[in-house]
Every structure is written in structure tokens, then in C-alpha cells.
Amino acid sequence: MQQMKTRNTPDISANASPQSGVKIYCNGKWSPIGGTSASCPIVCGILAICCEKRKLLKKLPLTSVINNKCDIY
């Protein structure tokens, strides 16, 4: 495997552990959830907010990030 001196695509991560992940209120009780069911909507929500802000500033959206990350879900 060839090592690169620079990175081409930034990493995106979110806490997906059910032990320290997101708490949801369902059927009268709080329950922890994790995995992509919790982390993917959080990351995509943050990207949507960033794109909206960029649109208000008349900048281009983060299409390369969205096309590579959120469109696969």
C-alpha cells in the first residue's frame, strides 16, 4: 500500500457507541442508541446546516462531502 504525504478527503466521525451515544425518549422511557442509526443523521444534519450557511453567504455547497458521505445512506 502506497503512503500519501497529504490527505485528499477529510474524515468525518461521530460517536456510535450505544454506551455513550444518543439518548432517545420512546414509549415513556429514555433509551441509548448508537451505530449508524445515531451517527449518520447527526453528521448529515451538521453538513446540512453548513450548506445552508454557505448558501446564505452565496458560497458553493459542500457537494464533494455530501456526495461522498450522505448520498450513500
PDB file of N, CA and C in Angstrom:
ATOM      1  N   MET A   1       0.831  -1.174   0.000  1.00  0.00           N
ATOM      2  CA  MET A   1       0.000   0.000   0.000  1.00  0.00           C
ATOM      3  C   MET A   1       0.882   1.246   0.000  1.00  0.00           C
ATOM      4  N   GLN A   2       0.595   2.159  -0.896  1.00  0.00           N
ATOM      5  CA  GLN A   2       1.378   3.385  -1.012  1.00  0.00           C
ATOM      6  C   GLN A   2       0.938   4.397   0.043  1.00  0.00           C
ATOM      7  N   GLN A   3       1.895   5.002   0.729  1.00  0.00           N
ATOM      8  CA  GLN A   3       1.579   6.021   1.716  1.00  0.00           C
ATOM      9  C   GLN A   3       1.530   7.377   1.036  1.00  0.00           C
ATOM     10  N   MET A   4       0.534   8.171   1.402  1.00  0.00           N
ATOM     11  CA  MET A   4       0.384   9.502   0.831  1.00  0.00           C
ATOM     12  C   MET A   4       0.922  10.537   1.808  1.00  0.00           C
ATOM     13  N   LYS A   5       1.489  11.593   1.282  1.00  0.00           N
ATOM     14  CA  LYS A   5       2.015  12.654   2.130  1.00  0.00           C
ATOM     15  C   LYS A   5       0.932  13.653   2.511  1.00  0.00           C
ATOM     16  N   THR A   6      -0.137  13.725   1.728  1.00  0.00           N
ATOM     17  CA  THR A   6      -1.257  14.619   2.040  1.00  0.00           C
ATOM     18  C   THR A   6      -2.552  13.823   1.992  1.00  0.00           C
ATOM     19  N   ARG A   7      -3.572  14.388   2.591  1.00  0.00           N
ATOM     20  CA  ARG A   7      -4.872  13.727   2.589  1.00  0.00           C
ATOM     21  C   ARG A   7      -5.748  14.352   1.516  1.00  0.00           C
ATOM     22  N   ASN A   8      -6.455  13.532   0.781  1.00  0.00           N
ATOM     23  CA  ASN A   8      -7.328  14.023  -0.272  1.00  0.00           C
ATOM     24  C   ASN A   8      -8.744  14.304   0.232  1.00  0.00           C
ATOM     25  N   THR A   9      -9.244  13.484   1.130  1.00  0.00           N
ATOM     26  CA  THR A   9     -10.609  13.616   1.628  1.00  0.00           C
ATOM     27  C   THR A   9     -10.569  13.651   3.148  1.00  0.00           C
ATOM     28  N   PRO A  10     -11.188  14.656   3.754  1.00  0.00           N
ATOM     29  CA  PRO A  10     -11.182  14.709   5.217  1.00  0.00           C
ATOM     30  C   PRO A  10     -12.061  13.612   5.811  1.00  0.00           C
ATOM     31  N   ASP A  11     -11.709  13.178   6.998  1.00  0.00           N
ATOM     32  CA  ASP A  11     -12.518  12.198   7.716  1.00  0.00           C
ATOM     33  C   ASP A  11     -13.683  12.893   8.402  1.00  0.00           C
ATOM     34  N   ILE A  12     -14.767  12.157   8.550  1.00  0.00           N
ATOM     35  CA  ILE A  12     -15.908  12.613   9.338  1.00  0.00           C
ATOM     36  C   ILE A  12     -16.230  11.477  10.293  1.00  0.00           C
ATOM     37  N   SER A  13     -16.419  11.801  11.546  1.00  0.00           N
ATOM     38  CA  SER A  13     -16.752  10.751  12.502  1.00  0.00           C
ATOM     39  C   SER A  13     -17.771  11.263  13.511  1.00  0.00           C
ATOM     40  N   ALA A  14     -18.461  10.328  14.131  1.00  0.00           N
ATOM     41  CA  ALA A  14     -19.415  10.637  15.193  1.00  0.00           C
ATOM     42  C   ALA A  14     -19.423   9.461  16.159  1.00  0.00           C
ATOM     43  N   ASN A  15     -19.766   9.730  17.380  1.00  0.00           N
ATOM     44  CA  ASN A  15     -19.816   8.689  18.402  1.00  0.00           C
ATOM     45  C   ASN A  15     -20.957   7.725  18.087  1.00  0.00           C
ATOM     46  N   ALA A  16     -20.636   6.470  17.846  1.00  0.00           N
ATOM     47  CA  ALA A  16     -21.644   5.477  17.502  1.00  0.00           C
ATOM     48  C   ALA A  16     -21.821   4.419  18.588  1.00  0.00           C
ATOM     49  N   SER A  17     -21.216   4.628  19.736  1.00  0.00           N
ATOM     50  CA  SER A  17     -21.313   3.645  20.814  1.00  0.00           C
ATOM     51  C   SER A  17     -22.654   3.751  21.539  1.00  0.00           C
ATOM     52  N   PRO A  18     -23.391   2.653  21.703  1.00  0.00           N
ATOM     53  CA  PRO A  18     -24.640   2.705  22.471  1.00  0.00           C
ATOM     54  C   PRO A  18     -24.405   3.080  23.944  1.00  0.00           C
ATOM     55  N   GLN A  19     -23.210   2.805  24.474  1.00  0.00           N
ATOM     56  CA  GLN A  19     -22.929   3.130  25.868  1.00  0.00           C
ATOM     57  C   GLN A  19     -22.796   4.635  26.093  1.00  0.00           C
ATOM     58  N   SER A  20     -22.264   5.347  25.128  1.00  0.00           N
ATOM     59  CA  SER A  20     -22.087   6.789  25.304  1.00  0.00           C
ATOM     60  C   SER A  20     -22.751   7.589  24.189  1.00  0.00           C
ATOM     61  N   GLY A  21     -23.582   6.940  23.407  1.00  0.00           N
ATOM     62  CA  GLY A  21     -24.188   7.575  22.242  1.00  0.00           C
ATOM     63  C   GLY A  21     -25.342   8.504  22.596  1.00  0.00           C
ATOM     64  N   VAL A  22     -26.395   8.420  21.838  1.00  0.00           N
ATOM     65  CA  VAL A  22     -27.523   9.328  21.923  1.00  0.00           C
ATOM     66  C   VAL A  22     -28.637   8.700  22.760  1.00  0.00           C
ATOM     67  N   LYS A  23     -29.275   9.513  23.593  1.00  0.00           N
ATOM     68  CA  LYS A  23     -30.438   9.054  24.358  1.00  0.00           C
ATOM     69  C   LYS A  23     -31.691   9.523  23.641  1.00  0.00           C
ATOM     70  N   ILE A  24     -32.654   8.610  23.441  1.00  0.00           N
ATOM     71  CA  ILE A  24     -33.929   8.973  22.830  1.00  0.00           C
ATOM     72  C   ILE A  24     -35.052   8.638  23.804  1.00  0.00           C
ATOM     73  N   TYR A  25     -36.148   9.362  23.696  1.00  0.00           N
ATOM     74  CA  TYR A  25     -37.316   9.115  24.537  1.00  0.00           C
ATOM     75  C   TYR A  25     -38.356   8.406  23.685  1.00  0.00           C
ATOM     76  N   CYS A  26     -38.675   7.162  24.050  1.00  0.00           N
ATOM     77  CA  CYS A  26     -39.586   6.343  23.261  1.00  0.00           C
ATOM     78  C   CYS A  26     -40.405   5.447  24.192  1.00  0.00           C
ATOM     79  N   ASN A  27     -41.704   5.402  23.980  1.00  0.00           N
ATOM     80  CA  ASN A  27     -42.608   4.566  24.787  1.00  0.00           C
ATOM     81  C   ASN A  27     -42.473   4.844  26.283  1.00  0.00           C
ATOM     82  N   GLY A  28     -42.333   6.114  26.642  1.00  0.00           N
ATOM     83  CA  GLY A  28     -42.311   6.512  28.041  1.00  0.00           C
ATOM     84  C   GLY A  28     -41.000   6.322  28.775  1.00  0.00           C
ATOM     85  N   LYS A  29     -39.936   5.982  28.066  1.00  0.00           N
ATOM     86  CA  LYS A  29     -38.643   5.829  28.749  1.00  0.00           C
ATOM     87  C   LYS A  29     -37.503   6.286  27.849  1.00  0.00           C
ATOM     88  N   TRP A  30     -36.375   6.651  28.490  1.00  0.00           N
ATOM     89  CA  TRP A  30     -35.170   7.042  27.783  1.00  0.00           C
ATOM     90  C   TRP A  30     -34.346   5.799  27.474  1.00  0.00           C
ATOM     91  N   SER A  31     -33.848   5.704  26.257  1.00  0.00           N
ATOM     92  CA  SER A  31     -33.029   4.568  25.844  1.00  0.00           C
ATOM     93  C   SER A  31     -31.821   5.056  25.057  1.00  0.00           C
ATOM     94  N   PRO A  32     -30.664   4.417  25.267  1.00  0.00           N
ATOM     95  CA  PRO A  32     -29.491   4.794  24.463  1.00  0.00           C
ATOM     96  C   PRO A  32     -29.527   4.099  23.105  1.00  0.00           C
ATOM     97  N   ILE A  33     -29.090   4.805  22.071  1.00  0.00           N
ATOM     98  CA  ILE A  33     -28.923   4.181  20.759  1.00  0.00           C
ATOM     99  C   ILE A  33     -27.540   4.539  20.252  1.00  0.00           C
ATOM    100  N   GLY A  34     -27.065   3.787  19.318  1.00  0.00           N
ATOM    101  CA  GLY A  34     -25.748   4.045  18.746  1.00  0.00           C
ATOM    102  C   GLY A  34     -25.690   3.510  17.338  1.00  0.00           C
ATOM    103  N   GLY A  35     -24.505   3.386  16.817  1.00  0.00           N
ATOM    104  CA  GLY A  35     -24.310   2.886  15.460  1.00  0.00           C
ATOM    105  C   GLY A  35     -24.665   3.939  14.428  1.00  0.00           C
ATOM    106  N   THR A  36     -24.755   3.510  13.172  1.00  0.00           N
ATOM    107  CA  THR A  36     -25.058   4.457  12.105  1.00  0.00           C
ATOM    108  C   THR A  36     -26.465   5.025  12.242  1.00  0.00           C
ATOM    109  N   SER A  37     -27.359   4.335  12.952  1.00  0.00           N
ATOM    110  CA  SER A  37     -28.702   4.864  13.177  1.00  0.00           C
ATOM    111  C   SER A  37     -28.655   6.172  13.952  1.00  0.00           C
ATOM    112  N   ALA A  38     -27.641   6.363  14.755  1.00  0.00           N
ATOM    113  CA  ALA A  38     -27.481   7.606  15.515  1.00  0.00           C
ATOM    114  C   ALA A  38     -26.490   8.547  14.852  1.00  0.00           C
ATOM    115  N   SER A  39     -25.357   8.036  14.423  1.00  0.00           N
ATOM    116  CA  SER A  39     -24.288   8.921  13.953  1.00  0.00           C
ATOM    117  C   SER A  39     -24.525   9.503  12.564  1.00  0.00           C
ATOM    118  N   CYS A  40     -25.091   8.749  11.643  1.00  0.00           N
ATOM    119  CA  CYS A  40     -25.287   9.260  10.283  1.00  0.00           C
ATOM    120  C   CYS A  40     -26.231  10.461  10.247  1.00  0.00           C
ATOM    121  N   PRO A  41     -27.402  10.418  10.901  1.00  0.00           N
ATOM    122  CA  PRO A  41     -28.264  11.602  10.875  1.00  0.00           C
ATOM    123  C   PRO A  41     -27.630  12.822  11.538  1.00  0.00           C
ATOM    124  N   ILE A  42     -26.827  12.605  12.564  1.00  0.00           N
ATOM    125  CA  ILE A  42     -26.151  13.730  13.230  1.00  0.00           C
ATOM    126  C   ILE A  42     -25.167  14.391  12.269  1.00  0.00           C
ATOM    127  N   VAL A  43     -24.318  13.588  11.635  1.00  0.00           N
ATOM    128  CA  VAL A  43     -23.314  14.131  10.716  1.00  0.00           C
ATOM    129  C   VAL A  43     -23.997  14.806   9.524  1.00  0.00           C
ATOM    130  N   CYS A  44     -25.010  14.175   8.948  1.00  0.00           N
ATOM    131  CA  CYS A  44     -25.702  14.770   7.803  1.00  0.00           C
ATOM    132  C   CYS A  44     -26.436  16.043   8.192  1.00  0.00           C
ATOM    133  N   GLY A  45     -26.977  16.098   9.413  1.00  0.00           N
ATOM    134  CA  GLY A  45     -27.620  17.320   9.893  1.00  0.00           C
ATOM    135  C   GLY A  45     -26.625  18.463  10.008  1.00  0.00           C
ATOM    136  N   ILE A  46     -25.450  18.171  10.527  1.00  0.00           N
ATOM    137  CA  ILE A  46     -24.401  19.194  10.638  1.00  0.00           C
ATOM    138  C   ILE A  46     -23.993  19.684   9.241  1.00  0.00           C
ATOM    139  N   LEU A  47     -23.840  18.752   8.297  1.00  0.00           N
ATOM    140  CA  LEU A  47     -23.491  19.147   6.928  1.00  0.00           C
ATOM    141  C   LEU A  47     -24.596  19.999   6.299  1.00  0.00           C
ATOM    142  N   ALA A  48     -25.858  19.674   6.579  1.00  0.00           N
ATOM    143  CA  ALA A  48     -26.970  20.464   6.037  1.00  0.00           C
ATOM    144  C   ALA A  48     -26.935  21.890   6.580  1.00  0.00           C
ATOM    145  N   ILE A  49     -26.647  22.037   7.871  1.00  0.00           N
ATOM    146  CA  ILE A  49     -26.538  23.369   8.473  1.00  0.00           C
ATOM    147  C   ILE A  49     -25.383  24.144   7.832  1.00  0.00           C
ATOM    148  N   CYS A  50     -24.256  23.471   7.621  1.00  0.00           N
ATOM    149  CA  CYS A  50     -23.103  24.124   6.974  1.00  0.00           C
ATOM    150  C   CYS A  50     -23.453  24.564   5.556  1.00  0.00           C
ATOM    151  N   CYS A  51     -24.129  23.720   4.811  1.00  0.00           N
ATOM    152  CA  CYS A  51     -24.505  24.074   3.437  1.00  0.00           C
ATOM    153  C   CYS A  51     -25.491  25.237   3.421  1.00  0.00           C
ATOM    154  N   GLU A  52     -26.433  25.260   4.352  1.00  0.00           N
ATOM    155  CA  GLU A  52     -27.389  26.361   4.431  1.00  0.00           C
ATOM    156  C   GLU A  52     -26.676  27.680   4.726  1.00  0.00           C
ATOM    157  N   LYS A  53     -25.732  27.645   5.651  1.00  0.00           N
ATOM    158  CA  LYS A  53     -24.958  28.843   5.982  1.00  0.00           C
ATOM    159  C   LYS A  53     -24.157  29.307   4.772  1.00  0.00           C
ATOM    160  N   ARG A  54     -23.535  28.356   4.064  1.00  0.00           N
ATOM    161  CA  ARG A  54     -22.765  28.718   2.872  1.00  0.00           C
ATOM    162  C   ARG A  54     -23.673  29.321   1.807  1.00  0.00           C
ATOM    163  N   LYS A  55     -24.904  28.807   1.685  1.00  0.00           N
ATOM    164  CA  LYS A  55     -25.860  29.351   0.715  1.00  0.00           C
ATOM    165  C   LYS A  55     -26.216  30.790   1.074  1.00  0.00           C
ATOM    166  N   LEU A  56     -26.441  31.065   2.346  1.00  0.00           N
ATOM    167  CA  LEU A  56     -26.736  32.429   2.791  1.00  0.00           C
ATOM    168  C   LEU A  56     -25.576  33.382   2.508  1.00  0.00           C
ATOM    169  N   LEU A  57     -24.354  32.843   2.542  1.00  0.00           N
ATOM    170  CA  LEU A  57     -23.165  33.650   2.253  1.00  0.00           C
ATOM    171  C   LEU A  57     -22.822  33.665   0.759  1.00  0.00           C
ATOM    172  N   LYS A  58     -23.735  33.073  -0.052  1.00  0.00           N
ATOM    173  CA  LYS A  58     -23.555  32.984  -1.513  1.00  0.00           C
ATOM    174  C   LYS A  58     -22.283  32.226  -1.902  1.00  0.00           C
ATOM    175  N   LYS A  59     -21.990  31.175  -1.139  1.00  0.00           N
ATOM    176  CA  LYS A  59     -20.865  30.291  -1.454  1.00  0.00           C
ATOM    177  C   LYS A  59     -21.411  28.973  -1.982  1.00  0.00           C
ATOM    178  N   LEU A  60     -20.551  28.202  -2.621  1.00  0.00           N
ATOM    179  CA  LEU A  60     -20.958  26.902  -3.148  1.00  0.00           C
ATOM    180  C   LEU A  60     -21.197  25.915  -2.017  1.00  0.00           C
ATOM    181  N   PRO A  61     -22.121  24.959  -2.204  1.00  0.00           N
ATOM    182  CA  PRO A  61     -22.344  23.940  -1.170  1.00  0.00           C
ATOM    183  C   PRO A  61     -21.173  22.977  -1.077  1.00  0.00           C
ATOM    184  N   LEU A  62     -21.170  22.180  -0.047  1.00  0.00           N
ATOM    185  CA  LEU A  62     -20.109  21.191   0.169  1.00  0.00           C
ATOM    186  C   LEU A  62     -20.451  19.910  -0.589  1.00  0.00           C
ATOM    187  N   THR A  63     -20.595  20.014  -1.889  1.00  0.00           N
ATOM    188  CA  THR A  63     -21.096  18.884  -2.675  1.00  0.00           C
ATOM    189  C   THR A  63     -20.190  17.674  -2.640  1.00  0.00           C
ATOM    190  N   SER A  64     -18.878  17.859  -2.615  1.00  0.00           N
ATOM    191  CA  SER A  64     -17.993  16.692  -2.615  1.00  0.00           C
ATOM    192  C   SER A  64     -18.146  15.899  -1.322  1.00  0.00           C
ATOM    193  N   VAL A  65     -18.353  16.570  -0.200  1.00  0.00           N
ATOM    194  CA  VAL A  65     -18.556  15.866   1.068  1.00  0.00           C
ATOM    195  C   VAL A  65     -19.913  15.183   1.064  1.00  0.00           C
ATOM    196  N   ILE A  66     -20.938  15.891   0.649  1.00  0.00           N
ATOM    197  CA  ILE A  66     -22.283  15.311   0.665  1.00  0.00           C
ATOM    198  C   ILE A  66     -22.378  14.136  -0.302  1.00  0.00           C
ATOM    199  N   ASN A  67     -21.820  14.270  -1.494  1.00  0.00           N
ATOM    200  CA  ASN A  67     -21.882  13.182  -2.464  1.00  0.00           C
ATOM    201  C   ASN A  67     -21.144  11.943  -1.977  1.00  0.00           C
ATOM    202  N   ASN A  68     -20.057  12.137  -1.247  1.00  0.00           N
ATOM    203  CA  ASN A  68     -19.267  11.009  -0.772  1.00  0.00           C
ATOM    204  C   ASN A  68     -19.787  10.407   0.514  1.00  0.00           C
ATOM    205  N   LYS A  69     -20.532  11.150   1.313  1.00  0.00           N
ATOM    206  CA  LYS A  69     -20.948  10.650   2.627  1.00  0.00           C
ATOM    207  C   LYS A  69     -22.443  10.397   2.725  1.00  0.00           C
ATOM    208  N   CYS A  70     -23.260  11.420   2.580  1.00  0.00           N
ATOM    209  CA  CYS A  70     -24.688  11.303   2.880  1.00  0.00           C
ATOM    210  C   CYS A  70     -25.500  10.611   1.800  1.00  0.00           C
ATOM    211  N   ASP A  71     -25.118  10.755   0.534  1.00  0.00           N
ATOM    212  CA  ASP A  71     -25.921  10.167  -0.532  1.00  0.00           C
ATOM    213  C   ASP A  71     -25.885   8.648  -0.508  1.00  0.00           C
ATOM    214  N   ILE A  72     -24.926   8.044   0.179  1.00  0.00           N
ATOM    215  CA  ILE A  72     -24.873   6.581   0.204  1.00  0.00           C
ATOM    216  C   ILE A  72     -25.859   5.997   1.211  1.00  0.00           C
ATOM    217  N   TYR A  73     -26.428   6.834   2.064  1.00  0.00           N
ATOM    218  CA  TYR A  73     -27.396   6.337   3.042  1.00  0.00           C
ATOM    219  C   TYR A  73     -28.765   6.518   2.512  1.00  0.00           C
TER     220      TYR A  73
END
